[in-house]
Amino acid sequence: MAYNKPIPQQDDTKRKDSGGLATLVQAEKLMQIAILLPSAAFIGWLIGAFLDSKLHTTWIAAAGIIFGGISGLVYVIRLVLTAGTEADKKSVPNRPGDNTK
């Protein structure tokens, strides 16, 4: 019996993005990554300085900077991993017989 290749399934949920809009969305994501880490450390410092003034200590501001930097870094890593998996899904075409969506 002859083997015929199955017809690839068309993904109707895909839409064509305009090149300019997709570029602006990508630039916004990169700007978000660049701004997020320093702003998280700054907000941690502000909260730590406020707590230092109210609790009459000197170490909470430094701990706030460290905590803000770590939390910002974790968020940036999660954002990059999410963007990487979205890019992988776009670059790999659907294989015949692949029913995962």
Protein backbone atom coordinates (compact mmCIF):
# COMPACT_ATOMS: atom_id res chain seq x y z
CA MET A 1 0.00 0.00 0.00
CA ALA A 2 1.35 3.41 -0.91
CA TYR A 3 2.04 5.91 1.83
CA ASN A 4 0.67 9.41 1.40
CA LYS A 5 1.82 12.28 3.59
CA PRO A 6 -1.05 13.61 5.69
CA ILE A 7 -2.26 17.11 4.98
CA PRO A 8 -0.81 19.50 7.59
CA GLN A 9 -3.42 21.08 9.82
CA GLN A 10 -3.94 24.77 9.39
CA ASP A 11 -3.86 26.83 12.56
CA ASP A 12 -6.75 29.27 12.20
CA THR A 13 -5.90 31.03 15.44
CA LYS A 14 -2.74 32.54 13.96
CA ARG A 15 -3.10 36.07 12.75
CA LYS A 16 -0.73 38.11 10.72
CA ASP A 17 1.00 40.77 12.77
CA SER A 18 2.11 43.86 11.01
CA GLY A 19 5.89 44.17 11.01
CA GLY A 20 5.89 47.59 12.63
CA LEU A 21 3.54 46.68 15.45
CA ALA A 22 5.42 43.48 16.28
CA THR A 23 8.67 45.45 16.40
CA LEU A 24 7.17 48.00 18.79
CA VAL A 25 5.87 45.25 21.06
CA GLN A 26 9.31 43.63 21.15
CA ALA A 27 10.96 46.99 21.91
CA GLU A 28 8.49 47.56 24.77
CA LYS A 29 9.39 44.19 26.27
CA LEU A 30 13.10 44.99 26.12
CA MET A 31 12.54 48.42 27.68
CA GLN A 32 10.52 46.79 30.45
CA ILE A 33 13.42 44.47 31.20
CA ALA A 34 15.91 47.35 31.23
CA ILE A 35 13.83 49.54 33.55
CA LEU A 36 12.50 46.86 35.88
CA LEU A 37 15.67 45.82 37.71
CA PRO A 38 16.87 49.29 38.81
CA SER A 39 13.36 50.39 39.71
CA ALA A 40 12.83 47.28 41.88
CA ALA A 41 16.07 48.00 43.76
CA PHE A 42 15.06 51.66 44.16
CA ILE A 43 11.63 50.78 45.53
CA GLY A 44 13.26 48.32 47.94
CA TRP A 45 15.59 51.09 49.09
CA LEU A 46 12.67 53.51 49.60
CA ILE A 47 10.73 51.02 51.68
CA GLY A 48 13.86 50.15 53.66
CA ALA A 49 14.69 53.81 54.30
CA PHE A 50 11.14 54.44 55.49
CA LEU A 51 11.32 51.48 57.85
CA ASP A 52 14.76 52.64 59.06
CA SER A 53 13.32 56.03 60.00
CA LYS A 54 10.32 54.54 61.78
CA LEU A 55 12.18 51.74 63.57
CA HIS A 56 15.38 53.73 64.28
CA THR A 57 17.70 51.21 62.60
CA THR A 58 20.36 51.51 59.92
CA TRP A 59 20.41 48.14 58.17
CA ILE A 60 16.92 47.78 56.69
CA ALA A 61 17.63 50.10 53.71
CA ALA A 62 20.51 47.86 52.59
CA ALA A 63 18.33 44.79 53.02
CA GLY A 64 15.61 46.53 50.98
CA ILE A 65 18.06 47.17 48.13
CA ILE A 66 19.16 43.54 48.14
CA PHE A 67 15.60 42.21 48.36
CA GLY A 68 14.40 44.57 45.61
CA GLY A 69 17.31 43.62 43.36
CA ILE A 70 16.73 39.90 43.84
CA SER A 71 12.98 40.17 43.27
CA GLY A 72 13.55 42.29 40.16
CA LEU A 73 16.08 39.77 38.85
CA VAL A 74 13.68 36.88 39.43
CA TYR A 75 10.94 38.71 37.56
CA VAL A 76 13.28 39.55 34.65
CA ILE A 77 14.37 35.90 34.37
CA ARG A 78 10.74 34.73 34.37
CA LEU A 79 9.91 37.35 31.71
CA VAL A 80 12.82 36.26 29.50
CA LEU A 81 11.94 32.56 29.85
CA THR A 82 8.33 33.30 28.93
CA ALA A 83 9.41 35.32 25.90
CA GLY A 84 11.76 32.50 24.89
CA THR A 85 9.05 29.86 25.00
CA GLU A 86 6.70 32.11 23.00
CA ALA A 87 9.41 32.57 20.37
CA ASP A 88 9.99 28.81 20.25
CA LYS A 89 6.30 28.18 19.69
CA LYS A 90 6.24 30.67 16.82
CA SER A 91 9.36 29.29 15.14
CA VAL A 92 8.41 25.59 15.24
CA PRO A 93 5.72 24.73 12.70
CA ASN A 94 2.96 22.30 13.59
CA ARG A 95 3.91 18.77 12.71
CA PRO A 96 1.37 16.42 11.17
CA GLY A 97 -0.28 14.39 13.87
CA ASP A 98 0.67 16.84 16.64
CA ASN A 99 -2.56 17.54 18.44
CA THR A 100 -1.14 19.56 21.34
CA LYS A 101 -2.33 23.14 21.47
